[in-house]
Amino acid sequence: MCSAYNFYPRVIDVYWLRNGEKVTSDVTATEEMADGDWYYQIHSHLEYTPTSGEKISCVVEHASSKKPIIIEWDGSLPEAEKNKIAIGASGLMLGIILSAAGFLYYKKKSSGQWRNETRD
C-alpha cells in the first residue's frame, strides 16, 4: 500500500516500479479523495509478491515537490510485529509445556489412586 496525504492541488501521479520499470498490471488505486479541508489523499495498492532480490518502489509525483518522491518497499517485518510473534510463540510453548505437565501429573495421580482402591 502506498498512500499520499494532505496534498494540494489535486493533480498527483502515484505509481509503482519493479526493478526500475513502471508496473501497470495488478495495481489498484483510489481516486483523489477530498479530506474536507482543501487537501486530498490517494491510495495505491500493488497486488504482487516480490521475488528475492527484486526492488519494489512507490513513486509520487506532485507539483509541491521538485522531484519525484520514491519510497522503496521493505519486505521485512517491523520490530513491533517481530516482538508480537516472539511473545505469541513463547506463550504457546509455555501453554503446551504446562498442559503436558498437568496431563502427566493427572495420569500419575489417577493411576496411583486406582492402585490404592484395588488393594482394599
PDB file of N, CA and C in Angstrom:
ATOM      1  N   MET A   1       0.848  -1.169   0.000  1.00  0.00           N
ATOM      2  CA  MET A   1       0.000   0.000   0.000  1.00  0.00           C
ATOM      3  C   MET A   1       0.890   1.228   0.000  1.00  0.00           C
ATOM      4  N   CYS A   2       0.572   2.141  -0.852  1.00  0.00           N
ATOM      5  CA  CYS A   2       1.288   3.410  -0.937  1.00  0.00           C
ATOM      6  C   CYS A   2       0.238   4.509  -0.864  1.00  0.00           C
ATOM      7  N   SER A   3       0.385   5.409   0.081  1.00  0.00           N
ATOM      8  CA  SER A   3      -0.602   6.463   0.290  1.00  0.00           C
ATOM      9  C   SER A   3       0.063   7.826   0.292  1.00  0.00           C
ATOM     10  N   ALA A   4      -0.657   8.804  -0.227  1.00  0.00           N
ATOM     11  CA  ALA A   4      -0.217  10.201  -0.166  1.00  0.00           C
ATOM     12  C   ALA A   4      -1.342  10.992   0.497  1.00  0.00           C
ATOM     13  N   TYR A   5      -0.987  11.779   1.498  1.00  0.00           N
ATOM     14  CA  TYR A   5      -1.967  12.543   2.269  1.00  0.00           C
ATOM     15  C   TYR A   5      -1.648  14.032   2.213  1.00  0.00           C
ATOM     16  N   ASN A   6      -2.678  14.841   2.454  1.00  0.00           N
ATOM     17  CA  ASN A   6      -2.541  16.288   2.646  1.00  0.00           C
ATOM     18  C   ASN A   6      -1.807  16.987   1.507  1.00  0.00           C
ATOM     19  N   PHE A   7      -2.232  16.730   0.288  1.00  0.00           N
ATOM     20  CA  PHE A   7      -1.613  17.429  -0.839  1.00  0.00           C
ATOM     21  C   PHE A   7      -2.639  18.329  -1.526  1.00  0.00           C
ATOM     22  N   TYR A   8      -2.132  19.385  -2.115  1.00  0.00           N
ATOM     23  CA  TYR A   8      -2.923  20.341  -2.887  1.00  0.00           C
ATOM     24  C   TYR A   8      -1.981  20.994  -3.879  1.00  0.00           C
ATOM     25  N   PRO A   9      -2.286  21.147  -5.085  1.00  0.00           N
ATOM     26  CA  PRO A   9      -3.550  20.888  -5.761  1.00  0.00           C
ATOM     27  C   PRO A   9      -3.819  19.397  -5.934  1.00  0.00           C
ATOM     28  N   ARG A  10      -4.988  19.122  -6.471  1.00  0.00           N
ATOM     29  CA  ARG A  10      -5.495  17.757  -6.553  1.00  0.00           C
ATOM     30  C   ARG A  10      -4.686  16.852  -7.480  1.00  0.00           C
ATOM     31  N   VAL A  11      -4.125  17.370  -8.531  1.00  0.00           N
ATOM     32  CA  VAL A  11      -3.431  16.557  -9.548  1.00  0.00           C
ATOM     33  C   VAL A  11      -2.184  15.919  -8.939  1.00  0.00           C
ATOM     34  N   ILE A  12      -2.111  14.588  -9.043  1.00  0.00           N
ATOM     35  CA  ILE A  12      -0.985  13.827  -8.485  1.00  0.00           C
ATOM     36  C   ILE A  12      -0.819  12.554  -9.308  1.00  0.00           C
ATOM     37  N   ASP A  13       0.389  12.029  -9.333  1.00  0.00           N
ATOM     38  CA  ASP A  13       0.660  10.770 -10.025  1.00  0.00           C
ATOM     39  C   ASP A  13       1.340   9.823  -9.040  1.00  0.00           C
ATOM     40  N   VAL A  14       0.697   8.695  -8.773  1.00  0.00           N
ATOM     41  CA  VAL A  14       1.250   7.670  -7.877  1.00  0.00           C
ATOM     42  C   VAL A  14       1.365   6.383  -8.687  1.00  0.00           C
ATOM     43  N   TYR A  15       2.564   5.820  -8.737  1.00  0.00           N
ATOM     44  CA  TYR A  15       2.751   4.582  -9.490  1.00  0.00           C
ATOM     45  C   TYR A  15       3.849   3.735  -8.849  1.00  0.00           C
ATOM     46  N   TRP A  16       3.957   2.503  -9.311  1.00  0.00           N
ATOM     47  CA  TRP A  16       4.907   1.535  -8.757  1.00  0.00           C
ATOM     48  C   TRP A  16       6.014   1.228  -9.759  1.00  0.00           C
ATOM     49  N   LEU A  17       7.204   0.934  -9.227  1.00  0.00           N
ATOM     50  CA  LEU A  17       8.337   0.477 -10.040  1.00  0.00           C
ATOM     51  C   LEU A  17       8.776  -0.898  -9.550  1.00  0.00           C
ATOM     52  N   ARG A  18       9.068  -1.768 -10.504  1.00  0.00           N
ATOM     53  CA  ARG A  18       9.653  -3.076 -10.189  1.00  0.00           C
ATOM     54  C   ARG A  18      10.994  -3.125 -10.902  1.00  0.00           C
ATOM     55  N   ASN A  19      12.072  -3.091 -10.123  1.00  0.00           N
ATOM     56  CA  ASN A  19      13.429  -3.040 -10.673  1.00  0.00           C
ATOM     57  C   ASN A  19      13.588  -1.876 -11.654  1.00  0.00           C
ATOM     58  N   GLY A  20      13.010  -0.738 -11.311  1.00  0.00           N
ATOM     59  CA  GLY A  20      13.143   0.462 -12.126  1.00  0.00           C
ATOM     60  C   GLY A  20      12.164   0.587 -13.276  1.00  0.00           C
ATOM     61  N   GLU A  21      11.353  -0.441 -13.522  1.00  0.00           N
ATOM     62  CA  GLU A  21      10.375  -0.424 -14.613  1.00  0.00           C
ATOM     63  C   GLU A  21       8.980  -0.170 -14.047  1.00  0.00           C
ATOM     64  N   LYS A  22       8.221   0.677 -14.707  1.00  0.00           N
ATOM     65  CA  LYS A  22       6.873   1.005 -14.255  1.00  0.00           C
ATOM     66  C   LYS A  22       5.966  -0.221 -14.336  1.00  0.00           C
ATOM     67  N   VAL A  23       5.208  -0.462 -13.265  1.00  0.00           N
ATOM     68  CA  VAL A  23       4.271  -1.588 -13.199  1.00  0.00           C
ATOM     69  C   VAL A  23       2.884  -1.076 -13.573  1.00  0.00           C
ATOM     70  N   THR A  24       2.232  -1.759 -14.509  1.00  0.00           N
ATOM     71  CA  THR A  24       0.894  -1.331 -14.928  1.00  0.00           C
ATOM     72  C   THR A  24      -0.182  -2.351 -14.587  1.00  0.00           C
ATOM     73  N   SER A  25       0.205  -3.602 -14.344  1.00  0.00           N
ATOM     74  CA  SER A  25      -0.791  -4.622 -14.008  1.00  0.00           C
ATOM     75  C   SER A  25      -0.775  -4.882 -12.503  1.00  0.00           C
ATOM     76  N   ASP A  26      -1.862  -5.426 -12.000  1.00  0.00           N
ATOM     77  CA  ASP A  26      -2.025  -5.768 -10.581  1.00  0.00           C
ATOM     78  C   ASP A  26      -1.956  -4.552  -9.664  1.00  0.00           C
ATOM     79  N   VAL A  27      -2.316  -3.387 -10.173  1.00  0.00           N
ATOM     80  CA  VAL A  27      -2.322  -2.160  -9.371  1.00  0.00           C
ATOM     81  C   VAL A  27      -3.761  -1.675  -9.239  1.00  0.00           C
ATOM     82  N   THR A  28      -4.178  -1.420  -8.011  1.00  0.00           N
ATOM     83  CA  THR A  28      -5.476  -0.798  -7.764  1.00  0.00           C
ATOM     84  C   THR A  28      -5.235   0.503  -7.017  1.00  0.00           C
ATOM     85  N   ALA A  29      -6.043   1.495  -7.310  1.00  0.00           N
ATOM     86  CA  ALA A  29      -5.855   2.801  -6.664  1.00  0.00           C
ATOM     87  C   ALA A  29      -7.193   3.496  -6.499  1.00  0.00           C
ATOM     88  N   THR A  30      -7.252   4.340  -5.489  1.00  0.00           N
ATOM     89  CA  THR A  30      -8.431   5.176  -5.304  1.00  0.00           C
ATOM     90  C   THR A  30      -8.287   6.422  -6.166  1.00  0.00           C
ATOM     91  N   GLU A  31      -9.368   7.121  -6.334  1.00  0.00           N
ATOM     92  CA  GLU A  31      -9.311   8.452  -6.939  1.00  0.00           C
ATOM     93  C   GLU A  31      -8.764   9.405  -5.879  1.00  0.00           C
ATOM     94  N   GLU A  32      -8.401  10.593  -6.290  1.00  0.00           N
ATOM     95  CA  GLU A  32      -8.001  11.594  -5.308  1.00  0.00           C
ATOM     96  C   GLU A  32      -9.235  11.924  -4.473  1.00  0.00           C
ATOM     97  N   MET A  33      -9.119  11.761  -3.160  1.00  0.00           N
ATOM     98  CA  MET A  33     -10.263  11.975  -2.273  1.00  0.00           C
ATOM     99  C   MET A  33     -10.055  13.239  -1.452  1.00  0.00           C
ATOM    100  N   ALA A  34     -11.098  14.062  -1.370  1.00  0.00           N
ATOM    101  CA  ALA A  34     -11.022  15.297  -0.593  1.00  0.00           C
ATOM    102  C   ALA A  34     -11.091  14.976   0.896  1.00  0.00           C
ATOM    103  N   ASP A  35     -10.241  15.643   1.679  1.00  0.00           N
ATOM    104  CA  ASP A  35     -10.257  15.487   3.134  1.00  0.00           C
ATOM    105  C   ASP A  35     -11.284  16.404   3.794  1.00  0.00           C
ATOM    106  N   GLY A  36     -11.821  17.349   3.043  1.00  0.00           N
ATOM    107  CA  GLY A  36     -12.777  18.289   3.594  1.00  0.00           C
ATOM    108  C   GLY A  36     -12.135  19.586   4.055  1.00  0.00           C
ATOM    109  N   ASP A  37     -10.824  19.687   3.906  1.00  0.00           N
ATOM    110  CA  ASP A  37     -10.105  20.900   4.326  1.00  0.00           C
ATOM    111  C   ASP A  37      -9.226  21.425   3.185  1.00  0.00           C
ATOM    112  N   TRP A  38      -9.667  21.230   1.967  1.00  0.00           N
ATOM    113  CA  TRP A  38      -8.976  21.650   0.752  1.00  0.00           C
ATOM    114  C   TRP A  38      -7.764  20.778   0.409  1.00  0.00           C
ATOM    115  N   TYR A  39      -7.506  19.781   1.211  1.00  0.00           N
ATOM    116  CA  TYR A  39      -6.408  18.857   0.913  1.00  0.00           C
ATOM    117  C   TYR A  39      -6.991  17.541   0.410  1.00  0.00           C
ATOM    118  N   TYR A  40      -6.124  16.738  -0.187  1.00  0.00           N
ATOM    119  CA  TYR A  40      -6.558  15.480  -0.780  1.00  0.00           C
ATOM    120  C   TYR A  40      -5.685  14.328  -0.296  1.00  0.00           C
ATOM    121  N   GLN A  41      -6.176  13.110  -0.570  1.00  0.00           N
ATOM    122  CA  GLN A  41      -5.396  11.903  -0.300  1.00  0.00           C
ATOM    123  C   GLN A  41      -5.684  10.888  -1.397  1.00  0.00           C
ATOM    124  N   ILE A  42      -4.737   9.972  -1.575  1.00  0.00           N
ATOM    125  CA  ILE A  42      -4.881   8.908  -2.573  1.00  0.00           C
ATOM    126  C   ILE A  42      -4.154   7.673  -2.049  1.00  0.00           C
ATOM    127  N   HIS A  43      -4.652   6.499  -2.435  1.00  0.00           N
ATOM    128  CA  HIS A  43      -4.051   5.234  -2.003  1.00  0.00           C
ATOM    129  C   HIS A  43      -3.872   4.326  -3.217  1.00  0.00           C
ATOM    130  N   SER A  44      -2.734   3.669  -3.283  1.00  0.00           N
ATOM    131  CA  SER A  44      -2.441   2.737  -4.373  1.00  0.00           C
ATOM    132  C   SER A  44      -1.945   1.428  -3.767  1.00  0.00           C
ATOM    133  N   HIS A  45      -2.382   0.317  -4.344  1.00  0.00           N
ATOM    134  CA  HIS A  45      -2.017  -0.999  -3.822  1.00  0.00           C
ATOM    135  C   HIS A  45      -1.494  -1.867  -4.958  1.00  0.00           C
ATOM    136  N   LEU A  46      -0.324  -2.437  -4.751  1.00  0.00           N
ATOM    137  CA  LEU A  46       0.259  -3.365  -5.722  1.00  0.00           C
ATOM    138  C   LEU A  46       0.007  -4.775  -5.225  1.00  0.00           C
ATOM    139  N   GLU A  47      -0.776  -5.542  -5.967  1.00  0.00           N
ATOM    140  CA  GLU A  47      -1.094  -6.918  -5.595  1.00  0.00           C
ATOM    141  C   GLU A  47      -0.067  -7.837  -6.239  1.00  0.00           C
ATOM    142  N   TYR A  48       1.064  -7.955  -5.578  1.00  0.00           N
ATOM    143  CA  TYR A  48       2.182  -8.691  -6.151  1.00  0.00           C
ATOM    144  C   TYR A  48       3.089  -9.164  -5.028  1.00  0.00           C
ATOM    145  N   THR A  49       3.611 -10.358  -5.136  1.00  0.00           N
ATOM    146  CA  THR A  49       4.574 -10.874  -4.173  1.00  0.00           C
ATOM    147  C   THR A  49       5.948 -10.848  -4.826  1.00  0.00           C
ATOM    148  N   PRO A  50       6.829  -9.972  -4.351  1.00  0.00           N
ATOM    149  CA  PRO A  50       8.151  -9.870  -4.983  1.00  0.00           C
ATOM    150  C   PRO A  50       9.001 -11.111  -4.739  1.00  0.00           C
ATOM    151  N   THR A  51       9.857 -11.395  -5.693  1.00  0.00           N
ATOM    152  CA  THR A  51      10.802 -12.490  -5.538  1.00  0.00           C
ATOM    153  C   THR A  51      12.077 -11.950  -4.898  1.00  0.00           C
ATOM    154  N   SER A  52      12.922 -12.846  -4.471  1.00  0.00           N
ATOM    155  CA  SER A  52      14.165 -12.454  -3.805  1.00  0.00           C
ATOM    156  C   SER A  52      15.013 -11.571  -4.718  1.00  0.00           C
ATOM    157  N   GLY A  53      15.479 -10.470  -4.179  1.00  0.00           N
ATOM    158  CA  GLY A  53      16.339  -9.569  -4.927  1.00  0.00           C
ATOM    159  C   GLY A  53      15.611  -8.523  -5.752  1.00  0.00           C
ATOM    160  N   GLU A  54      14.297  -8.625  -5.840  1.00  0.00           N
ATOM    161  CA  GLU A  54      13.532  -7.636  -6.592  1.00  0.00           C
ATOM    162  C   GLU A  54      13.408  -6.347  -5.792  1.00  0.00           C
ATOM    163  N   LYS A  55      13.454  -5.242  -6.489  1.00  0.00           N
ATOM    164  CA  LYS A  55      13.350  -3.929  -5.856  1.00  0.00           C
ATOM    165  C   LYS A  55      12.003  -3.315  -6.249  1.00  0.00           C
ATOM    166  N   ILE A  56      11.133  -3.129  -5.257  1.00  0.00           N
ATOM    167  CA  ILE A  56       9.810  -2.555  -5.481  1.00  0.00           C
ATOM    168  C   ILE A  56       9.783  -1.160  -4.866  1.00  0.00           C
ATOM    169  N   SER A  57       9.298  -0.184  -5.624  1.00  0.00           N
ATOM    170  CA  SER A  57       9.251   1.203  -5.148  1.00  0.00           C
ATOM    171  C   SER A  57       7.916   1.836  -5.506  1.00  0.00           C
ATOM    172  N   CYS A  58       7.483   2.744  -4.639  1.00  0.00           N
ATOM    173  CA  CYS A  58       6.317   3.568  -4.919  1.00  0.00           C
ATOM    174  C   CYS A  58       6.823   4.966  -5.258  1.00  0.00           C
ATOM    175  N   VAL A  59       6.286   5.531  -6.324  1.00  0.00           N
ATOM    176  CA  VAL A  59       6.724   6.860  -6.769  1.00  0.00           C
ATOM    177  C   VAL A  59       5.531   7.815  -6.718  1.00  0.00           C
ATOM    178  N   VAL A  60       5.767   8.979  -6.117  1.00  0.00           N
ATOM    179  CA  VAL A  60       4.735  10.018  -6.044  1.00  0.00           C
ATOM    180  C   VAL A  60       5.275  11.268  -6.726  1.00  0.00           C
ATOM    181  N   GLU A  61       4.543  11.748  -7.716  1.00  0.00           N
ATOM    182  CA  GLU A  61       4.909  12.984  -8.409  1.00  0.00           C
ATOM    183  C   GLU A  61       3.797  14.001  -8.186  1.00  0.00           C
ATOM    184  N   HIS A  62       4.176  15.167  -7.651  1.00  0.00           N
ATOM    185  CA  HIS A  62       3.200  16.218  -7.356  1.00  0.00           C
ATOM    186  C   HIS A  62       3.847  17.583  -7.553  1.00  0.00           C
ATOM    187  N   ALA A  63       3.035  18.582  -7.856  1.00  0.00           N
ATOM    188  CA  ALA A  63       3.535  19.935  -8.112  1.00  0.00           C
ATOM    189  C   ALA A  63       4.249  20.536  -6.905  1.00  0.00           C
ATOM    190  N   SER A  64       3.941  20.064  -5.695  1.00  0.00           N
ATOM    191  CA  SER A  64       4.568  20.616  -4.490  1.00  0.00           C
ATOM    192  C   SER A  64       5.995  20.110  -4.286  1.00  0.00           C
ATOM    193  N   SER A  65       6.412  19.130  -5.075  1.00  0.00           N
ATOM    194  CA  SER A  65       7.757  18.563  -4.952  1.00  0.00           C
ATOM    195  C   SER A  65       8.503  18.748  -6.273  1.00  0.00           C
ATOM    196  N   LYS A  66       9.728  19.249  -6.195  1.00  0.00           N
ATOM    197  CA  LYS A  66      10.516  19.490  -7.413  1.00  0.00           C
ATOM    198  C   LYS A  66      10.922  18.195  -8.108  1.00  0.00           C
ATOM    199  N   LYS A  67      11.111  17.134  -7.332  1.00  0.00           N
ATOM    200  CA  LYS A  67      11.474  15.848  -7.923  1.00  0.00           C
ATOM    201  C   LYS A  67      10.558  14.763  -7.358  1.00  0.00           C
ATOM    202  N   PRO A  68      10.441  13.631  -8.044  1.00  0.00           N
ATOM    203  CA  PRO A  68       9.568  12.558  -7.563  1.00  0.00           C
ATOM    204  C   PRO A  68      10.006  12.047  -6.187  1.00  0.00           C
ATOM    205  N   ILE A  69       9.029  11.696  -5.379  1.00  0.00           N
ATOM    206  CA  ILE A  69       9.297  11.077  -4.079  1.00  0.00           C
ATOM    207  C   ILE A  69       9.254   9.576  -4.304  1.00  0.00           C
ATOM    208  N   ILE A  70      10.360   8.898  -4.009  1.00  0.00           N
ATOM    209  CA  ILE A  70      10.462   7.454  -4.241  1.00  0.00           C
ATOM    210  C   ILE A  70      10.644   6.766  -2.893  1.00  0.00           C
ATOM    211  N   ILE A  71       9.718   5.868  -2.585  1.00  0.00           N
ATOM    212  CA  ILE A  71       9.776   5.098  -1.346  1.00  0.00           C
ATOM    213  C   ILE A  71       9.993   3.638  -1.724  1.00  0.00           C
ATOM    214  N   GLU A  72      11.103   3.070  -1.251  1.00  0.00           N
ATOM    215  CA  GLU A  72      11.378   1.657  -1.525  1.00  0.00           C
ATOM    216  C   GLU A  72      10.632   0.785  -0.531  1.00  0.00           C
ATOM    217  N   TRP A  73      10.026  -0.282  -1.053  1.00  0.00           N
ATOM    218  CA  TRP A  73       9.297  -1.217  -0.214  1.00  0.00           C
ATOM    219  C   TRP A  73      10.289  -2.096   0.533  1.00  0.00           C
ATOM    220  N   ASP A  74      10.073  -2.228   1.837  1.00  0.00           N
ATOM    221  CA  ASP A  74      10.908  -3.081   2.678  1.00  0.00           C
ATOM    222  C   ASP A  74      10.055  -4.260   3.111  1.00  0.00           C
ATOM    223  N   GLY A  75      10.394  -5.438   2.646  1.00  0.00           N
ATOM    224  CA  GLY A  75       9.595  -6.620   2.917  1.00  0.00           C
ATOM    225  C   GLY A  75       9.743  -7.202   4.304  1.00  0.00           C
ATOM    226  N   SER A  76      10.672  -6.702   5.092  1.00  0.00           N
ATOM    227  CA  SER A  76      10.855  -7.262   6.427  1.00  0.00           C
ATOM    228  C   SER A  76       9.763  -6.764   7.366  1.00  0.00           C
ATOM    229  N   LEU A  77       9.514  -7.547   8.404  1.00  0.00           N
ATOM    230  CA  LEU A  77       8.509  -7.164   9.391  1.00  0.00           C
ATOM    231  C   LEU A  77       9.034  -6.050  10.281  1.00  0.00           C
ATOM    232  N   PRO A  78       8.165  -5.136  10.683  1.00  0.00           N
ATOM    233  CA  PRO A  78       8.586  -4.119  11.646  1.00  0.00           C
ATOM    234  C   PRO A  78       8.931  -4.762  12.989  1.00  0.00           C
ATOM    235  N   GLU A  79       9.746  -4.086  13.779  1.00  0.00           N
ATOM    236  CA  GLU A  79      10.193  -4.624  15.063  1.00  0.00           C
ATOM    237  C   GLU A  79       9.010  -4.983  15.962  1.00  0.00           C
ATOM    238  N   ALA A  80       7.979  -4.157  15.983  1.00  0.00           N
ATOM    239  CA  ALA A  80       6.812  -4.434  16.830  1.00  0.00           C
ATOM    240  C   ALA A  80       6.138  -5.746  16.426  1.00  0.00           C
ATOM    241  N   GLU A  81       6.058  -6.022  15.125  1.00  0.00           N
ATOM    242  CA  GLU A  81       5.452  -7.262  14.655  1.00  0.00           C
ATOM    243  C   GLU A  81       6.313  -8.468  15.025  1.00  0.00           C
ATOM    244  N   LYS A  82       7.628  -8.319  14.924  1.00  0.00           N
ATOM    245  CA  LYS A  82       8.526  -9.401  15.327  1.00  0.00           C
ATOM    246  C   LYS A  82       8.350  -9.706  16.806  1.00  0.00           C
ATOM    247  N   ASN A  83       8.212  -8.659  17.629  1.00  0.00           N
ATOM    248  CA  ASN A  83       8.010  -8.853  19.066  1.00  0.00           C
ATOM    249  C   ASN A  83       6.695  -9.567  19.345  1.00  0.00           C
ATOM    250  N   LYS A  84       5.629  -9.208  18.642  1.00  0.00           N
ATOM    251  CA  LYS A  84       4.338  -9.872  18.832  1.00  0.00           C
ATOM    252  C   LYS A  84       4.439 -11.356  18.507  1.00  0.00           C
ATOM    253  N   ILE A  85       5.133 -11.682  17.432  1.00  0.00           N
ATOM    254  CA  ILE A  85       5.291 -13.083  17.039  1.00  0.00           C
ATOM    255  C   ILE A  85       6.100 -13.834  18.090  1.00  0.00           C
ATOM    256  N   ALA A  86       7.188 -13.233  18.577  1.00  0.00           N
ATOM    257  CA  ALA A  86       8.026 -13.882  19.586  1.00  0.00           C
ATOM    258  C   ALA A  86       7.248 -14.105  20.877  1.00  0.00           C
ATOM    259  N   ILE A  87       6.495 -13.116  21.315  1.00  0.00           N
ATOM    260  CA  ILE A  87       5.705 -13.253  22.546  1.00  0.00           C
ATOM    261  C   ILE A  87       4.620 -14.304  22.367  1.00  0.00           C
ATOM    262  N   GLY A  88       3.951 -14.293  21.231  1.00  0.00           N
ATOM    263  CA  GLY A  88       2.917 -15.289  20.961  1.00  0.00           C
ATOM    264  C   GLY A  88       3.473 -16.703  20.925  1.00  0.00           C
ATOM    265  N   ALA A  89       4.616 -16.886  20.263  1.00  0.00           N
ATOM    266  CA  ALA A  89       5.241 -18.211  20.191  1.00  0.00           C
ATOM    267  C   ALA A  89       5.692 -18.671  21.574  1.00  0.00           C
ATOM    268  N   SER A  90       6.236 -17.756  22.371  1.00  0.00           N
ATOM    269  CA  SER A  90       6.662 -18.102  23.732  1.00  0.00           C
ATOM    270  C   SER A  90       5.465 -18.506  24.580  1.00  0.00           C
ATOM    271  N   GLY A  91       4.372 -17.759  24.465  1.00  0.00           N
ATOM    272  CA  GLY A  91       3.157 -18.094  25.210  1.00  0.00           C
ATOM    273  C   GLY A  91       2.605 -19.445  24.801  1.00  0.00           C
ATOM    274  N   LEU A  92       2.634 -19.733  23.510  1.00  0.00           N
ATOM    275  CA  LEU A  92       2.163 -21.022  23.012  1.00  0.00           C
ATOM    276  C   LEU A  92       3.013 -22.162  23.564  1.00  0.00           C
ATOM    277  N   MET A  93       4.327 -22.009  23.530  1.00  0.00           N
ATOM    278  CA  MET A  93       5.223 -23.048  24.059  1.00  0.00           C
ATOM    279  C   MET A  93       4.995 -23.260  25.552  1.00  0.00           C
ATOM    280  N   LEU A  94       4.860 -22.167  26.298  1.00  0.00           N
ATOM    281  CA  LEU A  94       4.609 -22.273  27.736  1.00  0.00           C
ATOM    282  C   LEU A  94       3.292 -22.992  27.988  1.00  0.00           C
ATOM    283  N   GLY A  95       2.267 -22.676  27.210  1.00  0.00           N
ATOM    284  CA  GLY A  95       0.976 -23.343  27.348  1.00  0.00           C
ATOM    285  C   GLY A  95       1.070 -24.834  27.069  1.00  0.00           C
ATOM    286  N   ILE A  96       1.810 -25.206  26.039  1.00  0.00           N
ATOM    287  CA  ILE A  96       1.976 -26.628  25.707  1.00  0.00           C
ATOM    288  C   ILE A  96       2.719 -27.353  26.821  1.00  0.00           C
ATOM    289  N   ILE A  97       3.788 -26.745  27.324  1.00  0.00           N
ATOM    290  CA  ILE A  97       4.577 -27.366  28.396  1.00  0.00           C
ATOM    291  C   ILE A  97       3.735 -27.534  29.655  1.00  0.00           C
ATOM    292  N   LEU A  98       3.001 -26.491  30.043  1.00  0.00           N
ATOM    293  CA  LEU A  98       2.170 -26.585  31.246  1.00  0.00           C
ATOM    294  C   LEU A  98       1.039 -27.591  31.066  1.00  0.00           C
ATOM    295  N   SER A  99       0.451 -27.651  29.883  1.00  0.00           N
ATOM    296  CA  SER A  99      -0.601 -28.634  29.618  1.00  0.00           C
ATOM    297  C   SER A  99      -0.051 -30.055  29.699  1.00  0.00           C
ATOM    298  N   ALA A 100       1.117 -30.282  29.122  1.00  0.00           N
ATOM    299  CA  ALA A 100       1.738 -31.610  29.174  1.00  0.00           C
ATOM    300  C   ALA A 100       2.086 -31.984  30.610  1.00  0.00           C
ATOM    301  N   ALA A 101       2.628 -31.037  31.370  1.00  0.00           N
ATOM    302  CA  ALA A 101       2.970 -31.311  32.770  1.00  0.00           C
ATOM    303  C   ALA A 101       1.711 -31.615  33.571  1.00  0.00           C
ATOM    304  N   GLY A 102       0.648 -30.864  33.351  1.00  0.00           N
ATOM    305  CA  GLY A 102      -0.615 -31.112  34.049  1.00  0.00           C
ATOM    306  C   GLY A 102      -1.196 -32.462  33.686  1.00  0.00           C
ATOM    307  N   PHE A 103      -1.138 -32.826  32.408  1.00  0.00           N
ATOM    308  CA  PHE A 103      -1.643 -34.123  31.971  1.00  0.00           C
ATOM    309  C   PHE A 103      -0.849 -35.260  32.606  1.00  0.00           C
ATOM    310  N   LEU A 104       0.483 -35.144  32.625  1.00  0.00           N
ATOM    311  CA  LEU A 104       1.318 -36.181  33.243  1.00  0.00           C
ATOM    312  C   LEU A 104       1.042 -36.283  34.739  1.00  0.00           C
ATOM    313  N   TYR A 105       0.884 -35.157  35.407  1.00  0.00           N
ATOM    314  CA  TYR A 105       0.573 -35.154  36.840  1.00  0.00           C
ATOM    315  C   TYR A 105      -0.768 -35.845  37.079  1.00  0.00           C
ATOM    316  N   TYR A 106      -1.762 -35.517  36.263  1.00  0.00           N
ATOM    317  CA  TYR A 106      -3.084 -36.118  36.394  1.00  0.00           C
ATOM    318  C   TYR A 106      -3.011 -37.631  36.183  1.00  0.00           C
ATOM    319  N   LYS A 107      -2.312 -38.077  35.135  1.00  0.00           N
ATOM    320  CA  LYS A 107      -2.199 -39.517  34.851  1.00  0.00           C
ATOM    321  C   LYS A 107      -1.490 -40.246  35.983  1.00  0.00           C
ATOM    322  N   LYS A 108      -0.424 -39.630  36.494  1.00  0.00           N
ATOM    323  CA  LYS A 108       0.331 -40.253  37.579  1.00  0.00           C
ATOM    324  C   LYS A 108      -0.529 -40.328  38.835  1.00  0.00           C
ATOM    325  N   LYS A 109      -1.226 -39.263  39.139  1.00  0.00           N
ATOM    326  CA  LYS A 109      -2.068 -39.198  40.326  1.00  0.00           C
ATOM    327  C   LYS A 109      -3.233 -40.171  40.210  1.00  0.00           C
ATOM    328  N   SER A 110      -3.872 -40.221  39.047  1.00  0.00           N
ATOM    329  CA  SER A 110      -5.035 -41.097  38.882  1.00  0.00           C
ATOM    330  C   SER A 110      -4.627 -42.563  38.865  1.00  0.00           C
ATOM    331  N   SER A 111      -3.472 -42.891  38.327  1.00  0.00           N
ATOM    332  CA  SER A 111      -3.038 -44.292  38.328  1.00  0.00           C
ATOM    333  C   SER A 111      -2.659 -44.722  39.740  1.00  0.00           C
ATOM    334  N   GLY A 112      -2.140 -43.841  40.560  1.00  0.00           N
ATOM    335  CA  GLY A 112      -1.831 -44.146  41.957  1.00  0.00           C
ATOM    336  C   GLY A 112      -3.097 -44.354  42.761  1.00  0.00           C
ATOM    337  N   GLN A 113      -4.136 -43.595  42.532  1.00  0.00           N
ATOM    338  CA  GLN A 113      -5.402 -43.757  43.237  1.00  0.00           C
ATOM    339  C   GLN A 113      -6.063 -45.065  42.827  1.00  0.00           C
ATOM    340  N   TRP A 114      -5.952 -45.420  41.590  1.00  0.00           N
ATOM    341  CA  TRP A 114      -6.554 -46.662  41.105  1.00  0.00           C
ATOM    342  C   TRP A 114      -5.942 -47.850  41.830  1.00  0.00           C
ATOM    343  N   ARG A 115      -4.621 -47.843  42.019  1.00  0.00           N
ATOM    344  CA  ARG A 115      -3.953 -48.933  42.722  1.00  0.00           C
ATOM    345  C   ARG A 115      -4.386 -48.980  44.183  1.00  0.00           C
ATOM    346  N   ASN A 116      -4.566 -47.840  44.832  1.00  0.00           N
ATOM    347  CA  ASN A 116      -4.997 -47.816  46.230  1.00  0.00           C
ATOM    348  C   ASN A 116      -6.399 -48.378  46.384  1.00  0.00           C
ATOM    349  N   GLU A 117      -7.297 -48.121  45.459  1.00  0.00           N
ATOM    350  CA  GLU A 117      -8.662 -48.617  45.542  1.00  0.00           C
ATOM    351  C   GLU A 117      -8.718 -50.121  45.309  1.00  0.00           C
ATOM    352  N   THR A 118      -7.869 -50.676  44.491  1.00  0.00           N
ATOM    353  CA  THR A 118      -7.914 -52.107  44.204  1.00  0.00           C
ATOM    354  C   THR A 118      -7.289 -52.918  45.323  1.00  0.00           C
ATOM    355  N   ARG A 119      -6.436 -52.349  46.145  1.00  0.00           N
ATOM    356  CA  ARG A 119      -5.809 -53.089  47.247  1.00  0.00           C
ATOM    357  C   ARG A 119      -6.781 -53.303  48.398  1.00  0.00           C
ATOM    358  N   ASP A 120      -7.789 -52.497  48.537  1.00  0.00           N
ATOM    359  CA  ASP A 120      -8.721 -52.614  49.674  1.00  0.00           C
ATOM    360  C   ASP A 120      -9.559 -53.810  49.576  1.00  0.00           C
TER     361      ASP A 120
END
